[in-house]
Amino acid sequence: MGVSSPEVRRTSLELAGKPVKRIDIPAGESVDLEWGRASEVKLDDFRGDVKAGQTWFDITITFANSHRSL
């Protein structure tokens, strides 16, 4: 699992404020990756200017495994 963005040079996943290589998401559940939550995506070293109040950035989240029931 990982995260990337064309908007920044460095990204990371954090759990309880500490960098982690992965965040487990149990089948049928969800994880809120919003800043200030227990799990979050951290974006560092922006390639361009960030405008005051800007809240939208393109990111890609890559999952190690994905299982879907139909």
PDB file of N, CA and C in Angstrom:
ATOM      1  N   MET A   1       0.843  -1.170   0.000  1.00  0.00           N
ATOM      2  CA  MET A   1       0.000   0.000   0.000  1.00  0.00           C
ATOM      3  C   MET A   1       0.890   1.236   0.000  1.00  0.00           C
ATOM      4  N   GLY A   2       0.448   2.250  -0.694  1.00  0.00           N
ATOM      5  CA  GLY A   2       1.202   3.486  -0.706  1.00  0.00           C
ATOM      6  C   GLY A   2       0.345   4.629  -1.205  1.00  0.00           C
ATOM      7  N   VAL A   3       0.927   5.800  -1.198  1.00  0.00           N
ATOM      8  CA  VAL A   3       0.219   6.998  -1.642  1.00  0.00           C
ATOM      9  C   VAL A   3       1.198   7.860  -2.435  1.00  0.00           C
ATOM     10  N   SER A   4       0.698   8.490  -3.503  1.00  0.00           N
ATOM     11  CA  SER A   4       1.531   9.381  -4.300  1.00  0.00           C
ATOM     12  C   SER A   4       0.676  10.540  -4.790  1.00  0.00           C
ATOM     13  N   SER A   5       1.354  11.603  -5.243  1.00  0.00           N
ATOM     14  CA  SER A   5       0.647  12.773  -5.747  1.00  0.00           C
ATOM     15  C   SER A   5       1.573  13.544  -6.678  1.00  0.00           C
ATOM     16  N   PRO A   6       1.056  13.984  -7.829  1.00  0.00           N
ATOM     17  CA  PRO A   6       1.873  14.819  -8.703  1.00  0.00           C
ATOM     18  C   PRO A   6       2.078  16.227  -8.122  1.00  0.00           C
ATOM     19  N   GLU A   7       1.338  16.550  -7.097  1.00  0.00           N
ATOM     20  CA  GLU A   7       1.379  17.882  -6.484  1.00  0.00           C
ATOM     21  C   GLU A   7       2.560  18.077  -5.527  1.00  0.00           C
ATOM     22  N   VAL A   8       3.134  16.965  -5.017  1.00  0.00           N
ATOM     23  CA  VAL A   8       4.169  17.048  -3.989  1.00  0.00           C
ATOM     24  C   VAL A   8       5.352  16.140  -4.301  1.00  0.00           C
ATOM     25  N   ARG A   9       6.465  16.388  -3.634  1.00  0.00           N
ATOM     26  CA  ARG A   9       7.656  15.557  -3.812  1.00  0.00           C
ATOM     27  C   ARG A   9       7.698  14.384  -2.832  1.00  0.00           C
ATOM     28  N   ARG A  10       7.038  14.532  -1.683  1.00  0.00           N
ATOM     29  CA  ARG A  10       7.045  13.470  -0.664  1.00  0.00           C
ATOM     30  C   ARG A  10       5.646  13.254  -0.105  1.00  0.00           C
ATOM     31  N   THR A  11       5.286  11.998   0.035  1.00  0.00           N
ATOM     32  CA  THR A  11       4.020  11.632   0.675  1.00  0.00           C
ATOM     33  C   THR A  11       4.306  10.554   1.706  1.00  0.00           C
ATOM     34  N   SER A  12       3.431  10.442   2.679  1.00  0.00           N
ATOM     35  CA  SER A  12       3.575   9.354   3.644  1.00  0.00           C
ATOM     36  C   SER A  12       2.218   9.036   4.252  1.00  0.00           C
ATOM     37  N   LEU A  13       2.124   7.850   4.797  1.00  0.00           N
ATOM     38  CA  LEU A  13       0.962   7.433   5.566  1.00  0.00           C
ATOM     39  C   LEU A  13       1.333   7.534   7.029  1.00  0.00           C
ATOM     40  N   GLU A  14       0.412   7.995   7.850  1.00  0.00           N
ATOM     41  CA  GLU A  14       0.680   8.092   9.284  1.00  0.00           C
ATOM     42  C   GLU A  14      -0.461   7.469  10.070  1.00  0.00           C
ATOM     43  N   LEU A  15      -0.096   6.876  11.168  1.00  0.00           N
ATOM     44  CA  LEU A  15      -1.059   6.272  12.080  1.00  0.00           C
ATOM     45  C   LEU A  15      -0.720   6.788  13.468  1.00  0.00           C
ATOM     46  N   ALA A  16      -1.657   7.498  14.089  1.00  0.00           N
ATOM     47  CA  ALA A  16      -1.450   8.110  15.406  1.00  0.00           C
ATOM     48  C   ALA A  16      -0.218   9.020  15.402  1.00  0.00           C
ATOM     49  N   GLY A  17      -0.019   9.762  14.284  1.00  0.00           N
ATOM     50  CA  GLY A  17       1.074  10.726  14.195  1.00  0.00           C
ATOM     51  C   GLY A  17       2.431  10.154  13.861  1.00  0.00           C
ATOM     52  N   LYS A  18       2.526   8.843  13.618  1.00  0.00           N
ATOM     53  CA  LYS A  18       3.817   8.218  13.306  1.00  0.00           C
ATOM     54  C   LYS A  18       3.776   7.611  11.905  1.00  0.00           C
ATOM     55  N   PRO A  19       4.852   7.777  11.117  1.00  0.00           N
ATOM     56  CA  PRO A  19       4.887   7.210   9.771  1.00  0.00           C
ATOM     57  C   PRO A  19       4.773   5.680   9.810  1.00  0.00           C
ATOM     58  N   VAL A  20       3.995   5.142   8.879  1.00  0.00           N
ATOM     59  CA  VAL A  20       3.837   3.693   8.748  1.00  0.00           C
ATOM     60  C   VAL A  20       3.934   3.317   7.277  1.00  0.00           C
ATOM     61  N   LYS A  21       4.249   2.067   6.988  1.00  0.00           N
ATOM     62  CA  LYS A  21       4.336   1.598   5.609  1.00  0.00           C
ATOM     63  C   LYS A  21       2.977   1.188   5.069  1.00  0.00           C
ATOM     64  N   ARG A  22       2.046   0.873   5.982  1.00  0.00           N
ATOM     65  CA  ARG A  22       0.711   0.468   5.540  1.00  0.00           C
ATOM     66  C   ARG A  22      -0.320   0.753   6.622  1.00  0.00           C
ATOM     67  N   ILE A  23      -1.566   0.843   6.185  1.00  0.00           N
ATOM     68  CA  ILE A  23      -2.698   0.979   7.096  1.00  0.00           C
ATOM     69  C   ILE A  23      -3.691  -0.107   6.704  1.00  0.00           C
ATOM     70  N   ASP A  24      -3.954  -1.015   7.609  1.00  0.00           N
ATOM     71  CA  ASP A  24      -4.875  -2.107   7.322  1.00  0.00           C
ATOM     72  C   ASP A  24      -6.310  -1.593   7.291  1.00  0.00           C
ATOM     73  N   ILE A  25      -7.059  -2.037   6.288  1.00  0.00           N
ATOM     74  CA  ILE A  25      -8.478  -1.708   6.163  1.00  0.00           C
ATOM     75  C   ILE A  25      -9.224  -3.038   6.089  1.00  0.00           C
ATOM     76  N   PRO A  26      -9.876  -3.439   7.174  1.00  0.00           N
ATOM     77  CA  PRO A  26     -10.598  -4.708   7.171  1.00  0.00           C
ATOM     78  C   PRO A  26     -11.699  -4.732   6.103  1.00  0.00           C
ATOM     79  N   ALA A  27     -11.948  -5.916   5.540  1.00  0.00           N
ATOM     80  CA  ALA A  27     -12.976  -6.092   4.517  1.00  0.00           C
ATOM     81  C   ALA A  27     -14.310  -5.530   5.003  1.00  0.00           C
ATOM     82  N   GLY A  28     -14.965  -4.771   4.151  1.00  0.00           N
ATOM     83  CA  GLY A  28     -16.268  -4.219   4.468  1.00  0.00           C
ATOM     84  C   GLY A  28     -16.237  -2.982   5.349  1.00  0.00           C
ATOM     85  N   GLU A  29     -15.044  -2.506   5.713  1.00  0.00           N
ATOM     86  CA  GLU A  29     -14.921  -1.321   6.566  1.00  0.00           C
ATOM     87  C   GLU A  29     -14.232  -0.200   5.808  1.00  0.00           C
ATOM     88  N   SER A  30     -14.169   0.967   6.415  1.00  0.00           N
ATOM     89  CA  SER A  30     -13.500   2.101   5.792  1.00  0.00           C
ATOM     90  C   SER A  30     -12.565   2.758   6.801  1.00  0.00           C
ATOM     91  N   VAL A  31     -11.642   3.553   6.274  1.00  0.00           N
ATOM     92  CA  VAL A  31     -10.705   4.304   7.111  1.00  0.00           C
ATOM     93  C   VAL A  31     -10.722   5.743   6.638  1.00  0.00           C
ATOM     94  N   ASP A  32     -10.885   6.683   7.547  1.00  0.00           N
ATOM     95  CA  ASP A  32     -10.878   8.104   7.230  1.00  0.00           C
ATOM     96  C   ASP A  32      -9.427   8.584   7.236  1.00  0.00           C
ATOM     97  N   LEU A  33      -8.923   9.034   6.082  1.00  0.00           N
ATOM     98  CA  LEU A  33      -7.533   9.467   5.965  1.00  0.00           C
ATOM     99  C   LEU A  33      -7.393  10.987   6.019  1.00  0.00           C
ATOM    100  N   GLU A  34      -8.318  11.647   6.676  1.00  0.00           N
ATOM    101  CA  GLU A  34      -8.314  13.104   6.785  1.00  0.00           C
ATOM    102  C   GLU A  34      -7.272  13.573   7.802  1.00  0.00           C
ATOM    103  N   TRP A  35      -6.647  14.728   7.527  1.00  0.00           N
ATOM    104  CA  TRP A  35      -5.656  15.289   8.436  1.00  0.00           C
ATOM    105  C   TRP A  35      -6.257  15.456   9.821  1.00  0.00           C
ATOM    106  N   GLY A  36      -5.466  15.114  10.831  1.00  0.00           N
ATOM    107  CA  GLY A  36      -5.909  15.270  12.211  1.00  0.00           C
ATOM    108  C   GLY A  36      -6.630  14.053  12.761  1.00  0.00           C
ATOM    109  N   ARG A  37      -6.858  13.054  11.921  1.00  0.00           N
ATOM    110  CA  ARG A  37      -7.500  11.814  12.374  1.00  0.00           C
ATOM    111  C   ARG A  37      -6.415  10.835  12.791  1.00  0.00           C
ATOM    112  N   ALA A  38      -6.822   9.668  13.297  1.00  0.00           N
ATOM    113  CA  ALA A  38      -5.848   8.649  13.709  1.00  0.00           C
ATOM    114  C   ALA A  38      -5.012   8.180  12.520  1.00  0.00           C
ATOM    115  N   SER A  39      -5.631   8.027  11.357  1.00  0.00           N
ATOM    116  CA  SER A  39      -4.937   7.623  10.132  1.00  0.00           C
ATOM    117  C   SER A  39      -4.960   8.806   9.176  1.00  0.00           C
ATOM    118  N   GLU A  40      -3.808   9.097   8.563  1.00  0.00           N
ATOM    119  CA  GLU A  40      -3.800  10.228   7.638  1.00  0.00           C
ATOM    120  C   GLU A  40      -2.762  10.078   6.542  1.00  0.00           C
ATOM    121  N   VAL A  41      -2.978  10.822   5.471  1.00  0.00           N
ATOM    122  CA  VAL A  41      -2.019  10.952   4.383  1.00  0.00           C
ATOM    123  C   VAL A  41      -1.309  12.280   4.591  1.00  0.00           C
ATOM    124  N   LYS A  42       0.017  12.252   4.581  1.00  0.00           N
ATOM    125  CA  LYS A  42       0.798  13.478   4.773  1.00  0.00           C
ATOM    126  C   LYS A  42       1.437  13.859   3.438  1.00  0.00           C
ATOM    127  N   LEU A  43       1.243  15.123   3.041  1.00  0.00           N
ATOM    128  CA  LEU A  43       1.814  15.657   1.802  1.00  0.00           C
ATOM    129  C   LEU A  43       2.868  16.694   2.164  1.00  0.00           C
ATOM    130  N   ASP A  44       4.104  16.520   1.642  1.00  0.00           N
ATOM    131  CA  ASP A  44       5.214  17.428   1.957  1.00  0.00           C
ATOM    132  C   ASP A  44       5.913  17.903   0.690  1.00  0.00           C
ATOM    133  N   ASP A  45       6.491  19.088   0.766  1.00  0.00           N
ATOM    134  CA  ASP A  45       7.320  19.660  -0.288  1.00  0.00           C
ATOM    135  C   ASP A  45       6.526  19.818  -1.595  1.00  0.00           C
ATOM    136  N   PHE A  46       5.555  20.725  -1.569  1.00  0.00           N
ATOM    137  CA  PHE A  46       4.698  20.963  -2.736  1.00  0.00           C
ATOM    138  C   PHE A  46       5.506  21.495  -3.907  1.00  0.00           C
ATOM    139  N   ARG A  47       5.151  21.051  -5.097  1.00  0.00           N
ATOM    140  CA  ARG A  47       5.851  21.456  -6.326  1.00  0.00           C
ATOM    141  C   ARG A  47       5.482  22.876  -6.756  1.00  0.00           C
ATOM    142  N   GLY A  48       4.302  23.341  -6.407  1.00  0.00           N
ATOM    143  CA  GLY A  48       3.847  24.676  -6.786  1.00  0.00           C
ATOM    144  C   GLY A  48       3.309  25.415  -5.583  1.00  0.00           C
ATOM    145  N   ASP A  49       2.699  26.542  -5.861  1.00  0.00           N
ATOM    146  CA  ASP A  49       2.117  27.351  -4.797  1.00  0.00           C
ATOM    147  C   ASP A  49       0.828  26.723  -4.279  1.00  0.00           C
ATOM    148  N   VAL A  50       0.639  26.802  -2.986  1.00  0.00           N
ATOM    149  CA  VAL A  50      -0.599  26.361  -2.353  1.00  0.00           C
ATOM    150  C   VAL A  50      -1.336  27.622  -1.925  1.00  0.00           C
ATOM    151  N   LYS A  51      -2.577  27.727  -2.357  1.00  0.00           N
ATOM    152  CA  LYS A  51      -3.370  28.922  -2.038  1.00  0.00           C
ATOM    153  C   LYS A  51      -4.022  28.775  -0.665  1.00  0.00           C
ATOM    154  N   ALA A  52      -4.126  29.868   0.050  1.00  0.00           N
ATOM    155  CA  ALA A  52      -4.797  29.866   1.354  1.00  0.00           C
ATOM    156  C   ALA A  52      -6.195  29.278   1.205  1.00  0.00           C
ATOM    157  N   GLY A  53      -6.520  28.328   2.052  1.00  0.00           N
ATOM    158  CA  GLY A  53      -7.840  27.698   2.023  1.00  0.00           C
ATOM    159  C   GLY A  53      -7.968  26.548   1.040  1.00  0.00           C
ATOM    160  N   GLN A  54      -6.918  26.256   0.267  1.00  0.00           N
ATOM    161  CA  GLN A  54      -6.978  25.158  -0.701  1.00  0.00           C
ATOM    162  C   GLN A  54      -7.124  23.833   0.032  1.00  0.00           C
ATOM    163  N   THR A  55      -8.097  23.055  -0.377  1.00  0.00           N
ATOM    164  CA  THR A  55      -8.365  21.780   0.315  1.00  0.00           C
ATOM    165  C   THR A  55      -8.389  20.594  -0.634  1.00  0.00           C
ATOM    166  N   TRP A  56      -8.075  20.790  -1.898  1.00  0.00           N
ATOM    167  CA  TRP A  56      -8.185  19.708  -2.867  1.00  0.00           C
ATOM    168  C   TRP A  56      -6.842  19.461  -3.543  1.00  0.00           C
ATOM    169  N   PHE A  57      -6.360  18.210  -3.495  1.00  0.00           N
ATOM    170  CA  PHE A  57      -5.129  17.811  -4.150  1.00  0.00           C
ATOM    171  C   PHE A  57      -5.343  16.435  -4.761  1.00  0.00           C
ATOM    172  N   ASP A  58      -4.781  16.196  -5.946  1.00  0.00           N
ATOM    173  CA  ASP A  58      -4.864  14.882  -6.561  1.00  0.00           C
ATOM    174  C   ASP A  58      -3.905  13.937  -5.849  1.00  0.00           C
ATOM    175  N   ILE A  59      -4.425  12.796  -5.401  1.00  0.00           N
ATOM    176  CA  ILE A  59      -3.574  11.763  -4.813  1.00  0.00           C
ATOM    177  C   ILE A  59      -4.001  10.413  -5.385  1.00  0.00           C
ATOM    178  N   THR A  60      -3.070   9.465  -5.373  1.00  0.00           N
ATOM    179  CA  THR A  60      -3.345   8.093  -5.779  1.00  0.00           C
ATOM    180  C   THR A  60      -2.990   7.195  -4.611  1.00  0.00           C
ATOM    181  N   ILE A  61      -3.935   6.357  -4.221  1.00  0.00           N
ATOM    182  CA  ILE A  61      -3.697   5.387  -3.157  1.00  0.00           C
ATOM    183  C   ILE A  61      -3.602   4.012  -3.805  1.00  0.00           C
ATOM    184  N   THR A  62      -2.508   3.309  -3.536  1.00  0.00           N
ATOM    185  CA  THR A  62      -2.275   1.980  -4.089  1.00  0.00           C
ATOM    186  C   THR A  62      -2.487   0.949  -2.992  1.00  0.00           C
ATOM    187  N   PHE A  63      -3.295  -0.044  -3.278  1.00  0.00           N
ATOM    188  CA  PHE A  63      -3.603  -1.089  -2.308  1.00  0.00           C
ATOM    189  C   PHE A  63      -2.794  -2.349  -2.601  1.00  0.00           C
ATOM    190  N   ALA A  64      -2.317  -2.995  -1.535  1.00  0.00           N
ATOM    191  CA  ALA A  64      -1.550  -4.239  -1.683  1.00  0.00           C
ATOM    192  C   ALA A  64      -2.448  -5.372  -2.157  1.00  0.00           C
ATOM    193  N   ASN A  65      -3.622  -5.477  -1.567  1.00  0.00           N
ATOM    194  CA  ASN A  65      -4.596  -6.523  -1.920  1.00  0.00           C
ATOM    195  C   ASN A  65      -5.987  -5.919  -1.926  1.00  0.00           C
ATOM    196  N   SER A  66      -6.778  -6.405  -2.827  1.00  0.00           N
ATOM    197  CA  SER A  66      -8.165  -5.944  -2.862  1.00  0.00           C
ATOM    198  C   SER A  66      -9.059  -7.129  -3.152  1.00  0.00           C
ATOM    199  N   HIS A  67     -10.005  -7.364  -2.292  1.00  0.00           N
ATOM    200  CA  HIS A  67     -10.947  -8.463  -2.468  1.00  0.00           C
ATOM    201  C   HIS A  67     -12.344  -7.861  -2.479  1.00  0.00           C
ATOM    202  N   ARG A  68     -13.140  -8.312  -3.423  1.00  0.00           N
ATOM    203  CA  ARG A  68     -14.482  -7.769  -3.560  1.00  0.00           C
ATOM    204  C   ARG A  68     -15.468  -8.911  -3.675  1.00  0.00           C
ATOM    205  N   SER A  69     -16.532  -8.852  -2.918  1.00  0.00           N
ATOM    206  CA  SER A  69     -17.594  -9.854  -3.009  1.00  0.00           C
ATOM    207  C   SER A  69     -18.706  -9.291  -3.869  1.00  0.00           C
ATOM    208  N   LEU A  70     -19.220 -10.121  -4.754  1.00  0.00           N
ATOM    209  CA  LEU A  70     -20.345  -9.705  -5.608  1.00  0.00           C
ATOM    210  C   LEU A  70     -21.616 -10.410  -5.191  1.00  0.00           C
TER     211      LEU A  70
END
